Amino acid sequence: MGFFDFLTEEIAIDLGTANTLIIHNDKVVVDSPSIVARDRNSGKIIAVGKEAAMMQGKTHENIKTIRPLKDGVIADFDASEKMISMFIKEIPALKKKLFTPSLRMVICIPSGITEVEMRAVKESAERVNGKEVFLIHEPMAAAIGIGVDIMQPKGNMIVDIGGGTTEIAVIALGGIVCDKSIKIAGDVFTNDIIYYMRTQHNLYVGERTAEKIKIQIGAATEDLEVPPDEMSVQGRDLLTGKPKQVQISFREIAKALDKSILRIEDAVMETLSQTPPELAADIYNTGIYLAGGGSMLRGLDKRLSQKTDLPVYIAEDPLRAVVRGTGITLKNLERYKSVINK
């Protein structure tokens, strides 16, 4: 503990493809979409987060909305750095400071990330005043956030369905025994819905509308106990070019998403088939834990449970499970030393 430690602030960041969450002093202080709006003429960033999300699909030629993260990794270095720094400036406790404190950060990264992508995340963090930067794998953070004791000699299976990637991992003794990261997640679901509306209803809908459909009536299976009401969707008719409205039910969305969910099921089965027998026995007793926004898709837990013959549990507040785990790691850096990459 040095003299300047009072100048250091600790933050935990879940840098996601769809949303970025930041924890400071045990509270989620930033929860915003990972979107940046940039002025094409000056190259200046005009809005980030919720403000930029409202502009998405509604901009004129001088404004461009960018999602700096693709499949869980940084695709646009400059935009992501500006986005992180603007989010950090939004933290209420740091606004009051006279000068910018140096930061000790824990950031979570997908488990299938390469060395180069890892360095990109690290460099971005260092440029926004990150003095000490620790990285933790997403499934690990999700497990800690759900409340699983990862240090025990006991197998736990986590499926974290985010915006860009689905991370499946079997964790024991504070390490990932076998894992699989596939690029089928929330964004792919959204694109499936856009494609379905286009081919089945001749209706062209934007990304924001498709996202709304997914949240309001999205389902993974056609036999739901409590089905959501039908939804009216507005878009552009591809035949006449006029705006029009159609009614759609959750069954149609279940059909639209079927192929992508099948691929997630296959990845889960593949991970289970690589699991050492002793850990497989543990998973039989503990079941599978679901985290991430994608796990909120109606009936997904039931469908995975039928496929694997195992109990499937959804984490409470699955959207924040990963960032909660990252925050807990930040508080107990000594304890989770073996889990983080420096």
Protein backbone atom coordinates (compact mmCIF):
# COMPACT_ATOMS: atom_id res chain seq x y z
CA MET A 1 0.00 0.00 0.00
CA GLY A 2 1.73 3.14 -1.19
CA PHE A 3 1.21 6.75 -0.24
CA PHE A 4 -0.71 7.45 -3.43
CA ASP A 5 -3.23 4.66 -2.94
CA PHE A 6 -5.91 7.13 -1.92
CA LEU A 7 -5.65 8.51 -5.47
CA THR A 8 -6.43 5.10 -6.95
CA GLU A 9 -10.01 4.14 -7.67
CA GLU A 10 -11.09 0.55 -8.24
CA ILE A 11 -13.55 -0.32 -11.00
CA ALA A 12 -14.83 -3.56 -12.53
CA ILE A 13 -15.88 -3.52 -16.18
CA ASP A 14 -17.94 -5.98 -18.18
CA LEU A 15 -17.09 -4.85 -21.69
CA GLY A 16 -19.83 -6.51 -23.68
CA THR A 17 -20.79 -6.56 -27.35
CA ALA A 18 -24.29 -5.30 -26.51
CA ASN A 19 -23.91 -3.59 -23.12
CA THR A 20 -21.09 -2.21 -21.00
CA LEU A 21 -21.48 -2.34 -17.24
CA ILE A 22 -19.18 -0.77 -14.67
CA ILE A 23 -19.10 -1.42 -10.92
CA HIS A 24 -17.58 1.12 -8.53
CA ASN A 25 -17.80 0.82 -4.73
CA ASP A 26 -19.98 -2.34 -5.03
CA LYS A 27 -22.62 -0.53 -7.07
CA VAL A 28 -23.40 -0.77 -10.78
CA VAL A 29 -22.80 2.84 -11.80
CA VAL A 30 -22.87 2.46 -15.58
CA ASP A 31 -25.19 0.17 -17.54
CA SER A 32 -25.30 1.34 -21.13
CA PRO A 33 -25.46 -0.08 -24.65
CA SER A 34 -22.00 -0.41 -26.25
CA ILE A 35 -22.75 2.00 -29.08
CA VAL A 36 -20.95 5.14 -30.21
CA ALA A 37 -22.23 7.86 -32.56
CA ARG A 38 -19.54 9.64 -34.53
CA ASP A 39 -19.64 12.77 -36.67
CA ARG A 40 -18.28 11.78 -40.07
CA ASN A 41 -16.92 15.23 -40.90
CA SER A 42 -14.97 16.01 -37.77
CA GLY A 43 -14.47 12.43 -36.57
CA LYS A 44 -15.69 13.55 -33.13
CA ILE A 45 -17.74 11.25 -30.90
CA ILE A 46 -21.09 12.96 -30.34
CA ALA A 47 -22.84 10.40 -28.16
CA VAL A 48 -22.24 7.10 -26.40
CA GLY A 49 -24.47 4.56 -24.68
CA LYS A 50 -28.21 5.13 -24.41
CA GLU A 51 -28.09 8.40 -26.35
CA ALA A 52 -26.25 6.76 -29.26
CA ALA A 53 -28.59 3.73 -29.12
CA MET A 54 -31.57 6.02 -29.70
CA MET A 55 -29.88 7.30 -32.87
CA GLN A 56 -29.25 3.80 -34.22
CA GLY A 57 -30.88 3.31 -37.60
CA LYS A 58 -32.14 6.90 -37.62
CA THR A 59 -29.03 8.83 -38.61
CA HIS A 60 -28.32 10.99 -41.65
CA GLU A 61 -25.15 10.74 -43.70
CA ASN A 62 -23.04 12.92 -41.40
CA ILE A 63 -23.58 10.74 -38.35
CA LYS A 64 -22.53 7.12 -38.09
CA THR A 65 -23.39 4.78 -35.23
CA ILE A 66 -20.71 2.19 -34.48
CA ARG A 67 -20.65 -0.81 -32.21
CA PRO A 68 -16.94 -0.88 -31.30
CA LEU A 69 -17.08 -4.47 -30.03
CA LYS A 70 -17.84 -7.39 -32.26
CA ASP A 71 -18.18 -10.96 -30.98
CA GLY A 72 -16.98 -9.86 -27.57
CA VAL A 73 -13.69 -8.38 -28.81
CA ILE A 74 -12.61 -4.90 -29.84
CA ALA A 75 -13.24 -4.28 -33.53
CA ASP A 76 -12.77 -0.51 -33.56
CA PHE A 77 -9.88 0.42 -31.30
CA ASP A 78 -10.31 4.19 -31.36
CA ALA A 79 -14.09 4.17 -30.80
CA SER A 80 -13.89 1.62 -27.98
CA GLU A 81 -11.23 3.62 -26.16
CA LYS A 82 -13.29 6.82 -26.37
CA MET A 83 -16.37 4.89 -25.28
CA ILE A 84 -14.64 3.40 -22.21
CA SER A 85 -13.22 6.78 -21.22
CA MET A 86 -16.62 8.50 -21.57
CA PHE A 87 -18.29 5.78 -19.51
CA ILE A 88 -15.63 6.15 -16.81
CA LYS A 89 -16.19 9.92 -16.77
CA GLU A 90 -19.89 9.22 -16.12
CA ILE A 91 -19.14 7.49 -12.79
CA PRO A 92 -20.72 9.86 -10.24
CA ALA A 93 -17.98 9.52 -7.59
CA LEU A 94 -15.23 10.29 -10.11
CA LYS A 95 -17.00 13.38 -11.46
CA LYS A 96 -16.45 15.18 -8.15
CA LYS A 97 -12.68 14.65 -8.19
CA LEU A 98 -10.47 17.57 -9.14
CA PHE A 99 -8.10 15.44 -11.20
CA THR A 100 -8.50 12.05 -12.81
CA PRO A 101 -7.49 9.27 -10.41
CA SER A 102 -5.47 6.35 -11.65
CA LEU A 103 -7.55 3.21 -11.88
CA ARG A 104 -7.22 -0.36 -10.79
CA MET A 105 -9.45 -2.33 -13.13
CA VAL A 106 -10.72 -5.85 -13.59
CA ILE A 107 -12.14 -6.38 -17.09
CA CYS A 108 -13.79 -9.54 -18.31
CA ILE A 109 -12.98 -11.09 -21.69
CA PRO A 110 -14.43 -14.02 -23.69
CA SER A 111 -12.76 -17.38 -23.05
CA GLY A 112 -11.97 -17.92 -26.75
CA ILE A 113 -9.97 -14.69 -27.03
CA THR A 114 -6.53 -14.56 -28.67
CA GLU A 115 -3.36 -12.98 -27.23
CA VAL A 116 -3.61 -10.07 -29.67
CA GLU A 117 -7.23 -9.35 -28.75
CA MET A 118 -6.30 -9.56 -25.10
CA ARG A 119 -3.56 -6.97 -25.61
CA ALA A 120 -6.06 -4.68 -27.38
CA VAL A 121 -8.36 -4.73 -24.34
CA LYS A 122 -5.41 -4.09 -22.03
CA GLU A 123 -4.01 -1.22 -24.04
CA SER A 124 -7.43 0.42 -24.27
CA ALA A 125 -7.70 0.25 -20.48
CA GLU A 126 -4.18 1.60 -19.93
CA ARG A 127 -4.88 4.58 -22.16
CA VAL A 128 -7.84 5.62 -20.03
CA ASN A 129 -5.59 5.85 -16.98
CA GLY A 130 -5.62 2.19 -15.95
CA LYS A 131 -2.63 1.77 -13.66
CA GLU A 132 -3.24 -1.89 -12.86
CA VAL A 133 -5.33 -3.90 -15.33
CA PHE A 134 -6.47 -7.45 -14.60
CA LEU A 135 -8.40 -9.63 -17.03
CA ILE A 136 -10.81 -12.40 -16.11
CA HIS A 137 -12.58 -14.87 -18.41
CA GLU A 138 -16.33 -14.32 -18.73
CA PRO A 139 -17.57 -17.78 -17.68
CA MET A 140 -15.36 -17.53 -14.61
CA ALA A 141 -16.77 -14.10 -13.71
CA ALA A 142 -20.31 -15.39 -14.36
CA ALA A 143 -19.73 -18.36 -12.02
CA ILE A 144 -18.46 -16.08 -9.25
CA GLY A 145 -21.39 -13.70 -9.85
CA ILE A 146 -23.94 -16.52 -9.60
CA GLY A 147 -22.47 -17.46 -6.25
CA VAL A 148 -20.66 -20.68 -7.17
CA ASP A 149 -17.59 -21.41 -5.03
CA ILE A 150 -15.16 -21.92 -7.89
CA MET A 151 -12.19 -22.86 -5.71
CA GLN A 152 -13.71 -26.17 -4.60
CA PRO A 153 -12.72 -29.50 -6.22
CA LYS A 154 -16.17 -29.73 -7.72
CA GLY A 155 -17.33 -29.36 -11.32
CA ASN A 156 -19.76 -26.61 -12.33
CA MET A 157 -21.02 -25.89 -15.82
CA ILE A 158 -21.74 -22.32 -16.86
CA VAL A 159 -23.41 -21.21 -20.11
CA ASP A 160 -23.08 -17.45 -20.59
CA ILE A 161 -25.13 -16.19 -23.56
CA GLY A 162 -24.14 -12.61 -24.24
CA GLY A 163 -24.58 -10.30 -27.21
CA GLY A 164 -21.71 -11.48 -29.39
CA THR A 165 -20.63 -14.86 -28.01
CA THR A 166 -21.96 -17.79 -26.04
CA GLU A 167 -19.37 -19.03 -23.57
CA ILE A 168 -19.70 -22.55 -22.24
CA ALA A 169 -17.27 -23.69 -19.57
CA VAL A 170 -16.78 -26.41 -16.99
CA ILE A 171 -15.05 -24.93 -13.96
CA ALA A 172 -13.30 -26.68 -11.07
CA LEU A 173 -10.54 -25.73 -8.61
CA GLY A 174 -10.49 -22.13 -9.78
CA GLY A 175 -9.76 -22.99 -13.39
CA ILE A 176 -11.54 -23.72 -16.66
CA VAL A 177 -11.29 -27.45 -17.39
CA CYS A 178 -12.95 -27.41 -20.79
CA ASP A 179 -14.64 -24.60 -22.62
CA LYS A 180 -16.20 -23.64 -25.90
CA SER A 181 -16.88 -20.18 -27.24
CA ILE A 182 -19.25 -19.83 -30.19
CA LYS A 183 -20.25 -16.70 -32.04
CA ILE A 184 -23.98 -17.44 -31.78
CA ALA A 185 -25.68 -15.19 -29.25
CA GLY A 186 -28.03 -12.24 -28.88
CA ASP A 187 -26.90 -10.44 -32.06
CA VAL A 188 -27.43 -13.56 -34.17
CA PHE A 189 -30.91 -13.97 -32.65
CA THR A 190 -31.69 -10.38 -33.67
CA ASN A 191 -30.49 -11.01 -37.24
CA ASP A 192 -32.54 -14.22 -37.41
CA ILE A 193 -35.65 -12.19 -36.58
CA ILE A 194 -34.83 -9.56 -39.25
CA TYR A 195 -34.37 -12.35 -41.82
CA TYR A 196 -37.58 -14.12 -40.80
CA MET A 197 -39.66 -10.93 -41.04
CA ARG A 198 -38.20 -10.29 -44.47
CA THR A 199 -38.78 -13.75 -45.89
CA GLN A 200 -42.11 -14.61 -44.23
CA HIS A 201 -43.87 -11.24 -44.04
CA ASN A 202 -42.06 -9.18 -46.73
CA LEU A 203 -41.43 -6.68 -43.97
CA TYR A 204 -38.12 -4.93 -43.59
CA VAL A 205 -37.44 -4.11 -39.93
CA GLY A 206 -34.40 -2.47 -38.36
CA GLU A 207 -32.10 -3.80 -35.68
CA ARG A 208 -33.81 -1.89 -32.87
CA THR A 209 -37.25 -3.21 -33.80
CA ALA A 210 -35.92 -6.78 -34.06
CA GLU A 211 -34.34 -6.38 -30.63
CA LYS A 212 -37.69 -5.21 -29.25
CA ILE A 213 -39.46 -8.24 -30.77
CA LYS A 214 -36.84 -10.54 -29.20
CA ILE A 215 -37.35 -9.03 -25.75
CA GLN A 216 -41.16 -8.80 -25.89
CA ILE A 217 -42.13 -12.12 -27.47
CA GLY A 218 -38.86 -14.00 -28.07
CA ALA A 219 -39.07 -17.71 -27.26
CA ALA A 220 -36.89 -20.78 -27.68
CA THR A 221 -39.71 -23.28 -27.81
CA GLU A 222 -43.32 -23.32 -29.05
CA ASP A 223 -44.83 -24.88 -25.93
CA LEU A 224 -44.62 -22.19 -23.27
CA GLU A 225 -46.63 -22.37 -20.07
CA VAL A 226 -47.25 -18.63 -20.00
CA PRO A 227 -47.19 -17.43 -23.61
CA PRO A 228 -46.72 -13.69 -24.25
CA ASP A 229 -49.40 -11.76 -26.18
CA GLU A 230 -49.13 -11.18 -29.90
CA MET A 231 -47.20 -8.11 -30.95
CA SER A 232 -47.77 -5.64 -33.75
CA VAL A 233 -44.61 -4.81 -35.68
CA GLN A 234 -44.16 -1.85 -38.00
CA GLY A 235 -41.65 -1.69 -40.83
CA ARG A 236 -41.34 -1.16 -44.56
CA ASP A 237 -43.20 -3.39 -47.01
CA LEU A 238 -40.64 -4.81 -49.41
CA LEU A 239 -43.16 -5.15 -52.26
CA THR A 240 -44.84 -1.75 -52.21
CA GLY A 241 -42.23 0.26 -50.32
CA LYS A 242 -44.95 1.60 -47.99
CA PRO A 243 -44.76 1.43 -44.19
CA LYS A 244 -46.97 -1.38 -42.88
CA GLN A 245 -47.84 -3.28 -39.72
CA VAL A 246 -48.17 -7.02 -39.07
CA GLN A 247 -49.17 -9.11 -36.06
CA ILE A 248 -46.72 -11.82 -34.97
CA SER A 249 -46.81 -14.42 -32.23
CA PHE A 250 -44.07 -15.98 -30.09
CA ARG A 251 -44.40 -19.24 -32.08
CA GLU A 252 -43.08 -17.53 -35.19
CA ILE A 253 -40.08 -16.18 -33.29
CA ALA A 254 -39.42 -19.65 -31.85
CA LYS A 255 -39.29 -20.93 -35.47
CA ALA A 256 -37.02 -18.08 -36.52
CA LEU A 257 -34.53 -18.74 -33.71
CA ASP A 258 -34.65 -22.53 -33.90
CA LYS A 259 -31.47 -23.06 -35.97
CA SER A 260 -29.31 -20.80 -33.81
CA ILE A 261 -30.54 -22.39 -30.58
CA LEU A 262 -29.79 -25.81 -32.04
CA ARG A 263 -26.18 -24.71 -32.49
CA ILE A 264 -26.00 -23.58 -28.86
CA GLU A 265 -27.42 -26.97 -27.81
CA ASP A 266 -24.79 -28.76 -29.90
CA ALA A 267 -22.00 -26.71 -28.32
CA VAL A 268 -23.29 -27.55 -24.84
CA MET A 269 -23.41 -31.25 -25.75
CA GLU A 270 -19.89 -31.10 -27.19
CA THR A 271 -18.54 -29.48 -24.02
CA LEU A 272 -20.28 -32.14 -21.91
CA SER A 273 -18.71 -34.88 -24.04
CA GLN A 274 -15.21 -33.47 -23.34
CA THR A 275 -15.77 -33.24 -19.59
CA PRO A 276 -13.68 -35.62 -17.43
CA PRO A 277 -15.87 -38.34 -15.84
CA GLU A 278 -15.47 -37.18 -12.23
CA LEU A 279 -16.59 -33.67 -13.15
CA ALA A 280 -19.43 -35.04 -15.28
CA ALA A 281 -20.68 -36.79 -12.13
CA ASP A 282 -20.64 -33.43 -10.28
CA ILE A 283 -22.52 -31.70 -13.10
CA TYR A 284 -25.16 -34.44 -12.98
CA ASN A 285 -25.81 -33.39 -9.38
CA THR A 286 -25.44 -29.61 -9.72
CA GLY A 287 -26.93 -29.05 -13.17
CA ILE A 288 -26.15 -26.24 -15.62
CA TYR A 289 -26.17 -22.52 -14.78
CA LEU A 290 -27.29 -19.97 -17.36
CA ALA A 291 -26.15 -16.34 -17.33
CA GLY A 292 -26.09 -13.40 -19.74
CA GLY A 293 -28.95 -11.56 -21.43
CA GLY A 294 -29.59 -14.39 -23.91
CA SER A 295 -30.57 -16.75 -21.10
CA MET A 296 -33.70 -14.64 -20.55
CA LEU A 297 -35.18 -16.02 -23.78
CA ARG A 298 -38.45 -17.69 -22.75
CA GLY A 299 -38.27 -21.49 -22.59
CA LEU A 300 -34.53 -21.72 -23.25
CA ASP A 301 -33.83 -23.33 -19.87
CA LYS A 302 -36.57 -25.90 -20.51
CA ARG A 303 -35.23 -26.69 -23.97
CA LEU A 304 -31.64 -27.14 -22.77
CA SER A 305 -32.88 -29.26 -19.90
CA GLN A 306 -34.72 -31.59 -22.31
CA LYS A 307 -31.66 -31.86 -24.55
CA THR A 308 -29.15 -32.61 -21.77
CA ASP A 309 -31.43 -34.38 -19.23
CA LEU A 310 -29.93 -32.10 -16.58
CA PRO A 311 -31.52 -29.45 -14.39
CA VAL A 312 -30.90 -25.94 -15.81
CA TYR A 313 -30.93 -22.86 -13.56
CA ILE A 314 -31.06 -19.25 -14.68
CA ALA A 315 -29.01 -16.85 -12.55
CA GLU A 316 -30.93 -14.11 -10.78
CA ASP A 317 -30.51 -10.90 -12.76
CA PRO A 318 -28.59 -12.77 -15.49
CA LEU A 319 -27.65 -9.55 -17.30
CA ARG A 320 -25.50 -8.51 -14.38
CA ALA A 321 -24.10 -11.88 -13.30
CA VAL A 322 -20.81 -11.33 -15.14
CA VAL A 323 -20.22 -7.81 -13.86
CA ARG A 324 -21.18 -8.89 -10.32
CA GLY A 325 -18.54 -11.62 -10.50
CA THR A 326 -16.01 -9.13 -11.84
CA GLY A 327 -16.80 -6.83 -8.93
CA ILE A 328 -16.36 -9.64 -6.38
CA THR A 329 -13.00 -10.52 -7.96
CA LEU A 330 -11.91 -6.89 -7.68
CA LYS A 331 -12.72 -6.90 -3.96
CA ASN A 332 -10.83 -10.17 -3.34
CA LEU A 333 -7.87 -9.94 -5.73
CA GLU A 334 -5.70 -12.03 -3.38
CA ARG A 335 -8.20 -14.87 -3.23
CA TYR A 336 -8.80 -15.00 -6.98
CA LYS A 337 -5.15 -14.51 -7.92
CA SER A 338 -5.10 -17.78 -9.87
CA VAL A 339 -8.15 -16.77 -11.92
CA ILE A 340 -6.98 -13.46 -13.32
CA ASN A 341 -4.47 -12.70 -16.06
CA LYS A 342 -2.23 -9.78 -15.40
